[in-house]
Amino acid sequence: MNLRTVTQLGIALLTAMSGTVWAETVKVSLDAVETDLIIDNAGNKQSMWTYSGTVPGPVIRVTEGDVVEFTLHNSADNEQSHSIDFHAAIVDVLDEFASVNPGEQKSFTFAANHPGVFIYHCGSDSMAEHISRGMYGVIIVDPAAGYSETFPRPDREYVLVQGDLFAEGTSAEDRAMGKDWTNALVNGKVFHYDPVHDSNASLTLEAEPGERVRIFFVNAMINEAAAFHPIAGIWERVWDNGNPKNVRYGLQTVEVPPAHGMVFDLVPPADRPTNNALVDHRMRHALRGAITVLMTYEGVAPEKGKSELIIR
């Protein structure tokens, strides 16, 4: 046994004896990128504003109590000023969340002291335009206490972020008023994981029969709530804001307000393969892209829902 192993065992023993949870400092860096992105399964593109070139931006995952050292870079090639608003942070909106001009960067630090699933988004003027063009993402703050009887360990985890798509060229004012809205995006695409309603779709969520599937759901739409429902299933448990203390059981449809997140567990039948459609039950949203298919069958690749929380 080497010195490093002995030291790690000693720290683990002291932690267990004292009940202390060791916080970490997590360095996170994102780039504001204005680019054209594919917004549907047919390969059509639209001008989007993004964090690090994707919609949604990268998933950030930390543990309750961790300190996040964050830096936002705004490329000199961009035309717009950009910023970031972490809903998991308690800071000064006029300081940490201030806009960053093209060619500049801004760094700040915050403590992730509240467990849950939170949106981050751009807060620069016009906020409605920046968010609806794709400047949003997810930060998951895992509870320091870990899993428990009321917050069990899942077998698979997926992140679903529902956003807006407006017609190209829609003004900031019209976006804010909901004019020229065309589609709902799920992880950046219309019908992203729904080959039933879009023959061009090639991806679904996957799990083994009987597995506990956890969905980290964030509503990034700027005006409207999402009525999240698992067709052919019931949410076994739901945690409002993703906080283990906010648990509810056996729900059919759950309202998720704009700029809010929840954690949903679904446990499909263990005795046979099944399919679910995870849908925004507002038909306006569902029929314009907000349907996600979950397939359960024997032999699902073990890395599905584990190595990648967002399927690109």
C-alpha atoms as a PDB file:
ATOM      1  CA  MET A   1       0.000   0.000   0.000  1.00  0.00           C
ATOM      2  CA  ASN A   2       1.585   3.302  -1.074  1.00  0.00           C
ATOM      3  CA  LEU A   3       1.655   6.591   0.788  1.00  0.00           C
ATOM      4  CA  ARG A   4      -1.086   8.099  -1.381  1.00  0.00           C
ATOM      5  CA  THR A   5      -3.446   5.215  -0.609  1.00  0.00           C
ATOM      6  CA  VAL A   6      -2.707   5.472   3.123  1.00  0.00           C
ATOM      7  CA  THR A   7      -3.395   9.208   3.014  1.00  0.00           C
ATOM      8  CA  GLN A   8      -6.686   8.723   1.154  1.00  0.00           C
ATOM      9  CA  LEU A   9      -7.811   6.080   3.651  1.00  0.00           C
ATOM     10  CA  GLY A  10      -6.900   8.366   6.520  1.00  0.00           C
ATOM     11  CA  ILE A  11      -8.906  11.245   5.063  1.00  0.00           C
ATOM     12  CA  ALA A  12     -11.883   8.947   4.431  1.00  0.00           C
ATOM     13  CA  LEU A  13     -11.750   7.692   8.026  1.00  0.00           C
ATOM     14  CA  LEU A  14     -11.547  11.192   9.490  1.00  0.00           C
ATOM     15  CA  THR A  15     -14.425  12.310   7.265  1.00  0.00           C
ATOM     16  CA  ALA A  16     -16.592   9.390   8.393  1.00  0.00           C
ATOM     17  CA  MET A  17     -15.803  10.036  12.058  1.00  0.00           C
ATOM     18  CA  SER A  18     -16.388  13.784  11.951  1.00  0.00           C
ATOM     19  CA  GLY A  19     -19.300  13.903   9.502  1.00  0.00           C
ATOM     20  CA  THR A  20     -17.408  16.535   7.537  1.00  0.00           C
ATOM     21  CA  VAL A  21     -18.082  16.880   3.822  1.00  0.00           C
ATOM     22  CA  TRP A  22     -15.002  18.025   1.922  1.00  0.00           C
ATOM     23  CA  ALA A  23     -15.839  20.763  -0.554  1.00  0.00           C
ATOM     24  CA  GLU A  24     -13.924  21.162  -3.788  1.00  0.00           C
ATOM     25  CA  THR A  25     -13.055  24.118  -5.963  1.00  0.00           C
ATOM     26  CA  VAL A  26     -14.354  23.512  -9.480  1.00  0.00           C
ATOM     27  CA  LYS A  27     -12.994  25.609 -12.342  1.00  0.00           C
ATOM     28  CA  VAL A  28     -15.507  26.233 -15.144  1.00  0.00           C
ATOM     29  CA  SER A  29     -14.891  28.187 -18.332  1.00  0.00           C
ATOM     30  CA  LEU A  30     -17.406  28.920 -21.094  1.00  0.00           C
ATOM     31  CA  ASP A  31     -17.093  30.768 -24.385  1.00  0.00           C
ATOM     32  CA  ALA A  32     -19.836  32.948 -25.836  1.00  0.00           C
ATOM     33  CA  VAL A  33     -20.138  31.823 -29.463  1.00  0.00           C
ATOM     34  CA  GLU A  34     -22.388  33.355 -32.128  1.00  0.00           C
ATOM     35  CA  THR A  35     -22.772  30.789 -34.888  1.00  0.00           C
ATOM     36  CA  ASP A  36     -25.117  28.889 -37.191  1.00  0.00           C
ATOM     37  CA  LEU A  37     -26.388  25.620 -35.684  1.00  0.00           C
ATOM     38  CA  ILE A  38     -28.490  22.698 -36.887  1.00  0.00           C
ATOM     39  CA  ILE A  39     -31.925  23.063 -35.279  1.00  0.00           C
ATOM     40  CA  ASP A  40     -33.767  19.975 -36.587  1.00  0.00           C
ATOM     41  CA  ASN A  41     -33.178  16.390 -37.681  1.00  0.00           C
ATOM     42  CA  ALA A  42     -33.224  17.382 -41.364  1.00  0.00           C
ATOM     43  CA  GLY A  43     -30.065  19.445 -40.925  1.00  0.00           C
ATOM     44  CA  ASN A  44     -31.557  22.922 -41.302  1.00  0.00           C
ATOM     45  CA  LYS A  45     -29.532  25.682 -39.669  1.00  0.00           C
ATOM     46  CA  GLN A  46     -30.323  28.943 -37.957  1.00  0.00           C
ATOM     47  CA  SER A  47     -28.279  31.755 -36.449  1.00  0.00           C
ATOM     48  CA  MET A  48     -27.905  31.058 -32.725  1.00  0.00           C
ATOM     49  CA  TRP A  49     -26.066  32.559 -29.753  1.00  0.00           C
ATOM     50  CA  THR A  50     -24.527  29.887 -27.556  1.00  0.00           C
ATOM     51  CA  TYR A  51     -22.307  28.890 -24.686  1.00  0.00           C
ATOM     52  CA  SER A  52     -19.309  27.019 -26.105  1.00  0.00           C
ATOM     53  CA  GLY A  53     -21.018  26.353 -29.410  1.00  0.00           C
ATOM     54  CA  THR A  54     -23.940  24.149 -28.344  1.00  0.00           C
ATOM     55  CA  VAL A  55     -27.602  24.529 -27.380  1.00  0.00           C
ATOM     56  CA  PRO A  56     -27.982  23.937 -24.542  1.00  0.00           C
ATOM     57  CA  GLY A  57     -24.520  24.791 -23.263  1.00  0.00           C
ATOM     58  CA  PRO A  58     -22.323  22.223 -21.482  1.00  0.00           C
ATOM     59  CA  VAL A  59     -23.749  20.530 -18.384  1.00  0.00           C
ATOM     60  CA  ILE A  60     -21.943  21.687 -15.251  1.00  0.00           C
ATOM     61  CA  ARG A  61     -22.082  19.232 -12.353  1.00  0.00           C
ATOM     62  CA  VAL A  62     -20.824  19.917  -8.844  1.00  0.00           C
ATOM     63  CA  THR A  63     -21.601  18.845  -5.285  1.00  0.00           C
ATOM     64  CA  GLU A  64     -23.400  20.927  -2.693  1.00  0.00           C
ATOM     65  CA  GLY A  65     -20.822  23.069  -0.902  1.00  0.00           C
ATOM     66  CA  ASP A  66     -18.385  23.182  -3.803  1.00  0.00           C
ATOM     67  CA  VAL A  67     -16.932  26.521  -4.859  1.00  0.00           C
ATOM     68  CA  VAL A  68     -17.236  27.312  -8.554  1.00  0.00           C
ATOM     69  CA  GLU A  69     -14.522  29.472 -10.099  1.00  0.00           C
ATOM     70  CA  PHE A  70     -16.114  30.645 -13.322  1.00  0.00           C
ATOM     71  CA  THR A  71     -14.818  32.508 -16.379  1.00  0.00           C
ATOM     72  CA  LEU A  72     -16.835  33.707 -19.375  1.00  0.00           C
ATOM     73  CA  HIS A  73     -14.922  34.559 -22.543  1.00  0.00           C
ATOM     74  CA  ASN A  74     -16.629  36.709 -25.169  1.00  0.00           C
ATOM     75  CA  SER A  75     -14.847  36.308 -28.491  1.00  0.00           C
ATOM     76  CA  ALA A  76     -13.691  39.394 -30.342  1.00  0.00           C
ATOM     77  CA  ASP A  77     -15.446  37.908 -33.385  1.00  0.00           C
ATOM     78  CA  ASN A  78     -18.863  38.284 -31.721  1.00  0.00           C
ATOM     79  CA  GLU A  79     -21.114  41.259 -32.368  1.00  0.00           C
ATOM     80  CA  GLN A  80     -22.968  41.147 -29.048  1.00  0.00           C
ATOM     81  CA  SER A  81     -22.117  41.594 -25.383  1.00  0.00           C
ATOM     82  CA  HIS A  82     -22.983  38.507 -23.340  1.00  0.00           C
ATOM     83  CA  SER A  83     -23.193  37.504 -19.684  1.00  0.00           C
ATOM     84  CA  ILE A  84     -24.215  34.583 -17.495  1.00  0.00           C
ATOM     85  CA  ASP A  85     -26.818  34.253 -14.757  1.00  0.00           C
ATOM     86  CA  PHE A  86     -26.408  31.115 -12.645  1.00  0.00           C
ATOM     87  CA  HIS A  87     -29.662  30.353 -10.834  1.00  0.00           C
ATOM     88  CA  ALA A  88     -27.547  28.244  -8.456  1.00  0.00           C
ATOM     89  CA  ALA A  89     -25.525  31.282  -7.318  1.00  0.00           C
ATOM     90  CA  ILE A  90     -26.167  33.898  -4.633  1.00  0.00           C
ATOM     91  CA  VAL A  91     -24.127  36.920  -5.733  1.00  0.00           C
ATOM     92  CA  ASP A  92     -24.595  40.512  -6.982  1.00  0.00           C
ATOM     93  CA  VAL A  93     -26.563  40.856 -10.213  1.00  0.00           C
ATOM     94  CA  LEU A  94     -24.791  44.139 -11.022  1.00  0.00           C
ATOM     95  CA  ASP A  95     -21.335  42.681 -10.464  1.00  0.00           C
ATOM     96  CA  GLU A  96     -20.956  38.977 -11.187  1.00  0.00           C
ATOM     97  CA  PHE A  97     -23.754  38.889 -13.758  1.00  0.00           C
ATOM     98  CA  ALA A  98     -22.630  42.022 -15.630  1.00  0.00           C
ATOM     99  CA  SER A  99     -22.276  41.951 -19.414  1.00  0.00           C
ATOM    100  CA  VAL A 100     -18.952  41.166 -21.082  1.00  0.00           C
ATOM    101  CA  ASN A 101     -18.042  43.051 -24.241  1.00  0.00           C
ATOM    102  CA  PRO A 102     -16.658  41.300 -27.333  1.00  0.00           C
ATOM    103  CA  GLY A 103     -12.961  40.561 -26.878  1.00  0.00           C
ATOM    104  CA  GLU A 104     -13.186  40.622 -23.084  1.00  0.00           C
ATOM    105  CA  GLN A 105     -13.699  38.101 -20.285  1.00  0.00           C
ATOM    106  CA  LYS A 106     -15.065  38.087 -16.752  1.00  0.00           C
ATOM    107  CA  SER A 107     -14.357  35.779 -13.810  1.00  0.00           C
ATOM    108  CA  PHE A 108     -16.162  35.341 -10.530  1.00  0.00           C
ATOM    109  CA  THR A 109     -16.631  32.789  -7.772  1.00  0.00           C
ATOM    110  CA  PHE A 110     -19.709  31.425  -6.050  1.00  0.00           C
ATOM    111  CA  ALA A 111     -20.532  28.663  -3.582  1.00  0.00           C
ATOM    112  CA  ALA A 112     -23.037  26.035  -4.756  1.00  0.00           C
ATOM    113  CA  ASN A 113     -24.800  25.757  -1.406  1.00  0.00           C
ATOM    114  CA  HIS A 114     -28.216  24.577  -2.583  1.00  0.00           C
ATOM    115  CA  PRO A 115     -28.731  21.126  -4.132  1.00  0.00           C
ATOM    116  CA  GLY A 116     -30.835  20.760  -7.238  1.00  0.00           C
ATOM    117  CA  VAL A 117     -31.010  21.292 -10.974  1.00  0.00           C
ATOM    118  CA  PHE A 118     -30.695  24.909 -12.079  1.00  0.00           C
ATOM    119  CA  ILE A 119     -30.713  26.831 -15.325  1.00  0.00           C
ATOM    120  CA  TYR A 120     -27.937  29.185 -16.314  1.00  0.00           C
ATOM    121  CA  HIS A 121     -28.610  31.738 -19.032  1.00  0.00           C
ATOM    122  CA  CYS A 122     -27.510  35.013 -20.549  1.00  0.00           C
ATOM    123  CA  GLY A 123     -28.855  38.116 -18.824  1.00  0.00           C
ATOM    124  CA  SER A 124     -27.674  40.752 -21.281  1.00  0.00           C
ATOM    125  CA  ASP A 125     -30.136  43.086 -22.969  1.00  0.00           C
ATOM    126  CA  SER A 126     -32.418  41.929 -24.457  1.00  0.00           C
ATOM    127  CA  MET A 127     -32.574  38.930 -22.169  1.00  0.00           C
ATOM    128  CA  ALA A 128     -35.526  37.534 -24.137  1.00  0.00           C
ATOM    129  CA  GLU A 129     -33.467  37.524 -27.322  1.00  0.00           C
ATOM    130  CA  HIS A 130     -30.285  36.113 -25.784  1.00  0.00           C
ATOM    131  CA  ILE A 131     -32.112  33.225 -24.100  1.00  0.00           C
ATOM    132  CA  SER A 132     -34.412  32.418 -27.017  1.00  0.00           C
ATOM    133  CA  ARG A 133     -31.425  32.342 -29.372  1.00  0.00           C
ATOM    134  CA  GLY A 134     -29.916  29.529 -27.313  1.00  0.00           C
ATOM    135  CA  MET A 135     -27.892  31.030 -24.474  1.00  0.00           C
ATOM    136  CA  TYR A 136     -28.872  28.647 -21.703  1.00  0.00           C
ATOM    137  CA  GLY A 137     -27.645  25.503 -19.991  1.00  0.00           C
ATOM    138  CA  VAL A 138     -27.856  23.402 -16.843  1.00  0.00           C
ATOM    139  CA  ILE A 139     -25.904  23.207 -13.618  1.00  0.00           C
ATOM    140  CA  ILE A 140     -26.610  20.182 -11.418  1.00  0.00           C
ATOM    141  CA  VAL A 141     -25.714  20.498  -7.749  1.00  0.00           C
ATOM    142  CA  ASP A 142     -25.694  16.998  -6.253  1.00  0.00           C
ATOM    143  CA  PRO A 143     -26.688  16.827  -2.558  1.00  0.00           C
ATOM    144  CA  ALA A 144     -23.756  16.568  -0.163  1.00  0.00           C
ATOM    145  CA  ALA A 145     -25.605  13.850   1.745  1.00  0.00           C
ATOM    146  CA  GLY A 146     -25.696  11.650  -1.359  1.00  0.00           C
ATOM    147  CA  TYR A 147     -28.446   9.169  -2.116  1.00  0.00           C
ATOM    148  CA  SER A 148     -31.061   8.075   0.413  1.00  0.00           C
ATOM    149  CA  GLU A 149     -34.346   6.192   0.743  1.00  0.00           C
ATOM    150  CA  THR A 150     -36.269   9.208  -0.517  1.00  0.00           C
ATOM    151  CA  PHE A 151     -33.609  10.124  -3.103  1.00  0.00           C
ATOM    152  CA  PRO A 152     -32.483   6.748  -4.471  1.00  0.00           C
ATOM    153  CA  ARG A 153     -29.588   6.163  -6.855  1.00  0.00           C
ATOM    154  CA  PRO A 154     -30.800   6.065 -10.491  1.00  0.00           C
ATOM    155  CA  ASP A 155     -29.736   3.502 -13.074  1.00  0.00           C
ATOM    156  CA  ARG A 156     -29.715   5.989 -15.956  1.00  0.00           C
ATOM    157  CA  GLU A 157     -29.688   9.791 -16.058  1.00  0.00           C
ATOM    158  CA  TYR A 158     -30.624  12.155 -18.874  1.00  0.00           C
ATOM    159  CA  VAL A 159     -30.825  15.939 -19.118  1.00  0.00           C
ATOM    160  CA  LEU A 160     -33.653  17.439 -21.183  1.00  0.00           C
ATOM    161  CA  VAL A 161     -33.774  21.194 -21.753  1.00  0.00           C
ATOM    162  CA  GLN A 162     -36.809  22.623 -23.525  1.00  0.00           C
ATOM    163  CA  GLY A 163     -36.353  25.914 -25.358  1.00  0.00           C
ATOM    164  CA  ASP A 164     -37.905  28.172 -27.966  1.00  0.00           C
ATOM    165  CA  LEU A 165     -37.312  28.550 -31.679  1.00  0.00           C
ATOM    166  CA  PHE A 166     -38.391  31.774 -33.342  1.00  0.00           C
ATOM    167  CA  ALA A 167     -38.382  32.589 -37.030  1.00  0.00           C
ATOM    168  CA  GLU A 168     -35.060  33.862 -38.308  1.00  0.00           C
ATOM    169  CA  GLY A 169     -34.891  37.631 -37.947  1.00  0.00           C
ATOM    170  CA  THR A 170     -37.529  37.940 -35.204  1.00  0.00           C
ATOM    171  CA  SER A 171     -36.852  41.109 -33.222  1.00  0.00           C
ATOM    172  CA  ALA A 172     -36.081  41.167 -29.509  1.00  0.00           C
ATOM    173  CA  GLU A 173     -39.402  42.878 -28.772  1.00  0.00           C
ATOM    174  CA  ASP A 174     -41.411  40.347 -30.760  1.00  0.00           C
ATOM    175  CA  ARG A 175     -39.608  37.467 -29.048  1.00  0.00           C
ATOM    176  CA  ALA A 176     -40.478  38.897 -25.667  1.00  0.00           C
ATOM    177  CA  MET A 177     -44.137  39.086 -26.720  1.00  0.00           C
ATOM    178  CA  GLY A 178     -44.125  35.563 -28.180  1.00  0.00           C
ATOM    179  CA  LYS A 179     -44.578  36.646 -31.792  1.00  0.00           C
ATOM    180  CA  ASP A 180     -43.202  34.528 -34.649  1.00  0.00           C
ATOM    181  CA  TRP A 181     -42.613  31.539 -32.354  1.00  0.00           C
ATOM    182  CA  THR A 182     -42.254  28.470 -34.559  1.00  0.00           C
ATOM    183  CA  ASN A 183     -41.144  25.425 -32.544  1.00  0.00           C
ATOM    184  CA  ALA A 184     -40.111  23.923 -29.243  1.00  0.00           C
ATOM    185  CA  LEU A 185     -36.540  22.679 -29.030  1.00  0.00           C
ATOM    186  CA  VAL A 186     -35.436  19.739 -26.903  1.00  0.00           C
ATOM    187  CA  ASN A 187     -31.699  19.853 -26.346  1.00  0.00           C
ATOM    188  CA  GLY A 188     -31.383  22.199 -29.272  1.00  0.00           C
ATOM    189  CA  LYS A 189     -33.471  20.417 -31.929  1.00  0.00           C
ATOM    190  CA  VAL A 190     -37.092  20.009 -32.971  1.00  0.00           C
ATOM    191  CA  PHE A 191     -38.295  16.418 -32.208  1.00  0.00           C
ATOM    192  CA  HIS A 192     -34.673  15.662 -31.274  1.00  0.00           C
ATOM    193  CA  TYR A 193     -35.410  12.204 -29.842  1.00  0.00           C
ATOM    194  CA  ASP A 194     -38.710  11.369 -31.538  1.00  0.00           C
ATOM    195  CA  PRO A 195     -38.542   9.064 -34.585  1.00  0.00           C
ATOM    196  CA  VAL A 196     -42.308   8.524 -34.291  1.00  0.00           C
ATOM    197  CA  HIS A 197     -43.163  12.076 -35.374  1.00  0.00           C
ATOM    198  CA  ASP A 198     -40.012  12.815 -37.363  1.00  0.00           C
ATOM    199  CA  SER A 199     -38.630  10.166 -39.698  1.00  0.00           C
ATOM    200  CA  ASN A 200     -35.293  11.981 -39.728  1.00  0.00           C
ATOM    201  CA  ALA A 201     -34.806  11.486 -35.986  1.00  0.00           C
ATOM    202  CA  SER A 202     -32.239   8.807 -35.198  1.00  0.00           C
ATOM    203  CA  LEU A 203     -31.882   9.108 -31.428  1.00  0.00           C
ATOM    204  CA  THR A 204     -33.987   8.123 -28.422  1.00  0.00           C
ATOM    205  CA  LEU A 205     -33.398   7.808 -24.696  1.00  0.00           C
ATOM    206  CA  GLU A 206     -32.718   4.191 -23.711  1.00  0.00           C
ATOM    207  CA  ALA A 207     -32.846   2.025 -20.586  1.00  0.00           C
ATOM    208  CA  GLU A 208     -33.300  -1.569 -19.483  1.00  0.00           C
ATOM    209  CA  PRO A 209     -36.792  -2.688 -18.390  1.00  0.00           C
ATOM    210  CA  GLY A 210     -37.364  -1.948 -14.713  1.00  0.00           C
ATOM    211  CA  GLU A 211     -34.489   0.491 -14.381  1.00  0.00           C
ATOM    212  CA  ARG A 212     -34.889   3.780 -12.523  1.00  0.00           C
ATOM    213  CA  VAL A 213     -34.530   6.490 -15.171  1.00  0.00           C
ATOM    214  CA  ARG A 214     -33.842   9.996 -13.868  1.00  0.00           C
ATOM    215  CA  ILE A 215     -34.655  13.032 -16.007  1.00  0.00           C
ATOM    216  CA  PHE A 216     -33.126  16.397 -15.116  1.00  0.00           C
ATOM    217  CA  PHE A 217     -35.654  18.682 -16.812  1.00  0.00           C
ATOM    218  CA  VAL A 218     -35.151  22.416 -17.274  1.00  0.00           C
ATOM    219  CA  ASN A 219     -37.601  24.760 -18.970  1.00  0.00           C
ATOM    220  CA  ALA A 220     -35.612  27.393 -20.881  1.00  0.00           C
ATOM    221  CA  MET A 221     -38.620  28.811 -22.754  1.00  0.00           C
ATOM    222  CA  ILE A 222     -38.882  32.539 -22.135  1.00  0.00           C
ATOM    223  CA  ASN A 223     -42.657  32.878 -21.676  1.00  0.00           C
ATOM    224  CA  GLU A 224     -44.474  29.594 -21.212  1.00  0.00           C
ATOM    225  CA  ALA A 225     -44.578  26.772 -18.706  1.00  0.00           C
ATOM    226  CA  ALA A 226     -44.113  23.135 -19.705  1.00  0.00           C
ATOM    227  CA  ALA A 227     -46.625  20.474 -18.644  1.00  0.00           C
ATOM    228  CA  PHE A 228     -44.256  17.502 -18.384  1.00  0.00           C
ATOM    229  CA  HIS A 229     -45.934  14.088 -18.658  1.00  0.00           C
ATOM    230  CA  PRO A 230     -44.686  10.531 -19.404  1.00  0.00           C
ATOM    231  CA  ILE A 231     -47.211   9.011 -21.805  1.00  0.00           C
ATOM    232  CA  ALA A 232     -47.765   5.337 -20.848  1.00  0.00           C
ATOM    233  CA  GLY A 233     -46.190   5.971 -17.466  1.00  0.00           C
ATOM    234  CA  ILE A 234     -46.422   7.824 -14.157  1.00  0.00           C
ATOM    235  CA  TRP A 235     -43.664   9.852 -12.542  1.00  0.00           C
ATOM    236  CA  GLU A 236     -42.617   7.582  -9.688  1.00  0.00           C
ATOM    237  CA  ARG A 237     -41.067  10.540  -7.839  1.00  0.00           C
ATOM    238  CA  VAL A 238     -40.584  14.210  -8.585  1.00  0.00           C
ATOM    239  CA  TRP A 239     -38.268  16.617  -6.786  1.00  0.00           C
ATOM    240  CA  ASP A 240     -39.179  20.287  -7.209  1.00  0.00           C
ATOM    241  CA  ASN A 241     -36.014  22.216  -8.120  1.00  0.00           C
ATOM    242  CA  GLY A 242     -34.207  18.881  -7.791  1.00  0.00           C
ATOM    243  CA  ASN A 243     -33.874  19.311  -4.015  1.00  0.00           C
ATOM    244  CA  PRO A 244     -34.191  15.932  -2.214  1.00  0.00           C
ATOM    245  CA  LYS A 245     -36.358  17.599   0.460  1.00  0.00           C
ATOM    246  CA  ASN A 246     -38.997  18.569  -2.107  1.00  0.00           C
ATOM    247  CA  VAL A 247     -40.208  15.076  -3.002  1.00  0.00           C
ATOM    248  CA  ARG A 248     -43.641  14.123  -4.375  1.00  0.00           C
ATOM    249  CA  TYR A 249     -44.887  10.705  -5.449  1.00  0.00           C
ATOM    250  CA  GLY A 250     -46.978   9.222  -8.254  1.00  0.00           C
ATOM    251  CA  LEU A 251     -47.648  12.266 -10.422  1.00  0.00           C
ATOM    252  CA  GLN A 252     -49.061  12.295 -13.946  1.00  0.00           C
ATOM    253  CA  THR A 253     -48.324  15.818 -15.220  1.00  0.00           C
ATOM    254  CA  VAL A 254     -46.138  18.461 -13.595  1.00  0.00           C
ATOM    255  CA  GLU A 255     -46.051  22.157 -14.404  1.00  0.00           C
ATOM    256  CA  VAL A 256     -42.509  23.482 -14.818  1.00  0.00           C
ATOM    257  CA  PRO A 257     -42.375  27.297 -15.001  1.00  0.00           C
ATOM    258  CA  PRO A 258     -40.008  29.195 -17.285  1.00  0.00           C
ATOM    259  CA  ALA A 259     -36.420  29.304 -15.980  1.00  0.00           C
ATOM    260  CA  HIS A 260     -37.097  26.469 -13.532  1.00  0.00           C
ATOM    261  CA  GLY A 261     -35.921  22.880 -13.205  1.00  0.00           C
ATOM    262  CA  MET A 262     -37.176  19.654 -11.653  1.00  0.00           C
ATOM    263  CA  VAL A 263     -35.956  16.081 -11.335  1.00  0.00           C
ATOM    264  CA  PHE A 264     -38.262  13.283 -12.508  1.00  0.00           C
ATOM    265  CA  ASP A 265     -37.907   9.528 -11.915  1.00  0.00           C
ATOM    266  CA  LEU A 266     -39.634   7.009 -14.146  1.00  0.00           C
ATOM    267  CA  VAL A 267     -39.542   3.255 -13.460  1.00  0.00           C
ATOM    268  CA  PRO A 268     -40.914   1.335 -16.472  1.00  0.00           C
ATOM    269  CA  PRO A 269     -42.207  -2.261 -16.187  1.00  0.00           C
ATOM    270  CA  ALA A 270     -39.504  -4.835 -15.464  1.00  0.00           C
ATOM    271  CA  ASP A 271     -41.184  -7.768 -17.216  1.00  0.00           C
ATOM    272  CA  ARG A 272     -41.162  -6.566 -20.843  1.00  0.00           C
ATOM    273  CA  PRO A 273     -39.822  -3.955 -23.244  1.00  0.00           C
ATOM    274  CA  THR A 274     -41.866  -0.746 -23.349  1.00  0.00           C
ATOM    275  CA  ASN A 275     -41.826   2.752 -24.770  1.00  0.00           C
ATOM    276  CA  ASN A 276     -42.729   6.096 -23.225  1.00  0.00           C
ATOM    277  CA  ALA A 277     -43.203   9.504 -24.777  1.00  0.00           C
ATOM    278  CA  LEU A 278     -41.970  12.248 -22.463  1.00  0.00           C
ATOM    279  CA  VAL A 279     -44.128  15.100 -23.630  1.00  0.00           C
ATOM    280  CA  ASP A 280     -45.021  18.682 -22.886  1.00  0.00           C
ATOM    281  CA  HIS A 281     -48.765  18.156 -22.672  1.00  0.00           C
ATOM    282  CA  ARG A 282     -49.435  21.645 -23.993  1.00  0.00           C
ATOM    283  CA  MET A 283     -50.246  20.429 -27.487  1.00  0.00           C
ATOM    284  CA  ARG A 284     -48.889  23.609 -29.026  1.00  0.00           C
ATOM    285  CA  HIS A 285     -45.472  22.638 -27.702  1.00  0.00           C
ATOM    286  CA  ALA A 286     -45.750  18.893 -28.209  1.00  0.00           C
ATOM    287  CA  LEU A 287     -46.792  19.044 -31.852  1.00  0.00           C
ATOM    288  CA  ARG A 288     -44.036  21.552 -32.587  1.00  0.00           C
ATOM    289  CA  GLY A 289     -41.179  19.462 -31.232  1.00  0.00           C
ATOM    290  CA  ALA A 290     -41.484  18.781 -27.491  1.00  0.00           C
ATOM    291  CA  ILE A 291     -41.810  14.978 -27.531  1.00  0.00           C
ATOM    292  CA  THR A 292     -39.016  12.642 -26.416  1.00  0.00           C
ATOM    293  CA  VAL A 293     -39.170   8.852 -26.770  1.00  0.00           C
ATOM    294  CA  LEU A 294     -37.759   6.602 -24.042  1.00  0.00           C
ATOM    295  CA  MET A 295     -37.203   3.015 -25.231  1.00  0.00           C
ATOM    296  CA  THR A 296     -36.652   0.208 -22.709  1.00  0.00           C
ATOM    297  CA  TYR A 297     -35.340  -3.162 -23.848  1.00  0.00           C
ATOM    298  CA  GLU A 298     -32.818  -5.827 -22.898  1.00  0.00           C
ATOM    299  CA  GLY A 299     -29.246  -5.217 -23.945  1.00  0.00           C
ATOM    300  CA  VAL A 300     -29.006  -1.416 -23.799  1.00  0.00           C
ATOM    301  CA  ALA A 301     -25.400  -0.236 -23.989  1.00  0.00           C
ATOM    302  CA  PRO A 302     -24.136   0.264 -20.429  1.00  0.00           C
ATOM    303  CA  GLU A 303     -22.828   3.782 -21.119  1.00  0.00           C
ATOM    304  CA  LYS A 304     -26.242   5.092 -22.218  1.00  0.00           C
ATOM    305  CA  GLY A 305     -27.475   7.644 -19.709  1.00  0.00           C
ATOM    306  CA  LYS A 306     -24.211   7.449 -17.777  1.00  0.00           C
ATOM    307  CA  SER A 307     -21.245   8.800 -19.699  1.00  0.00           C
ATOM    308  CA  GLU A 308     -23.268  11.483 -21.499  1.00  0.00           C
ATOM    309  CA  LEU A 309     -26.142  13.287 -19.812  1.00  0.00           C
ATOM    310  CA  ILE A 310     -27.055  15.183 -22.977  1.00  0.00           C
ATOM    311  CA  ILE A 311     -27.165  13.170 -26.192  1.00  0.00           C
ATOM    312  CA  ARG A 312     -25.911  15.216 -29.146  1.00  0.00           C
END
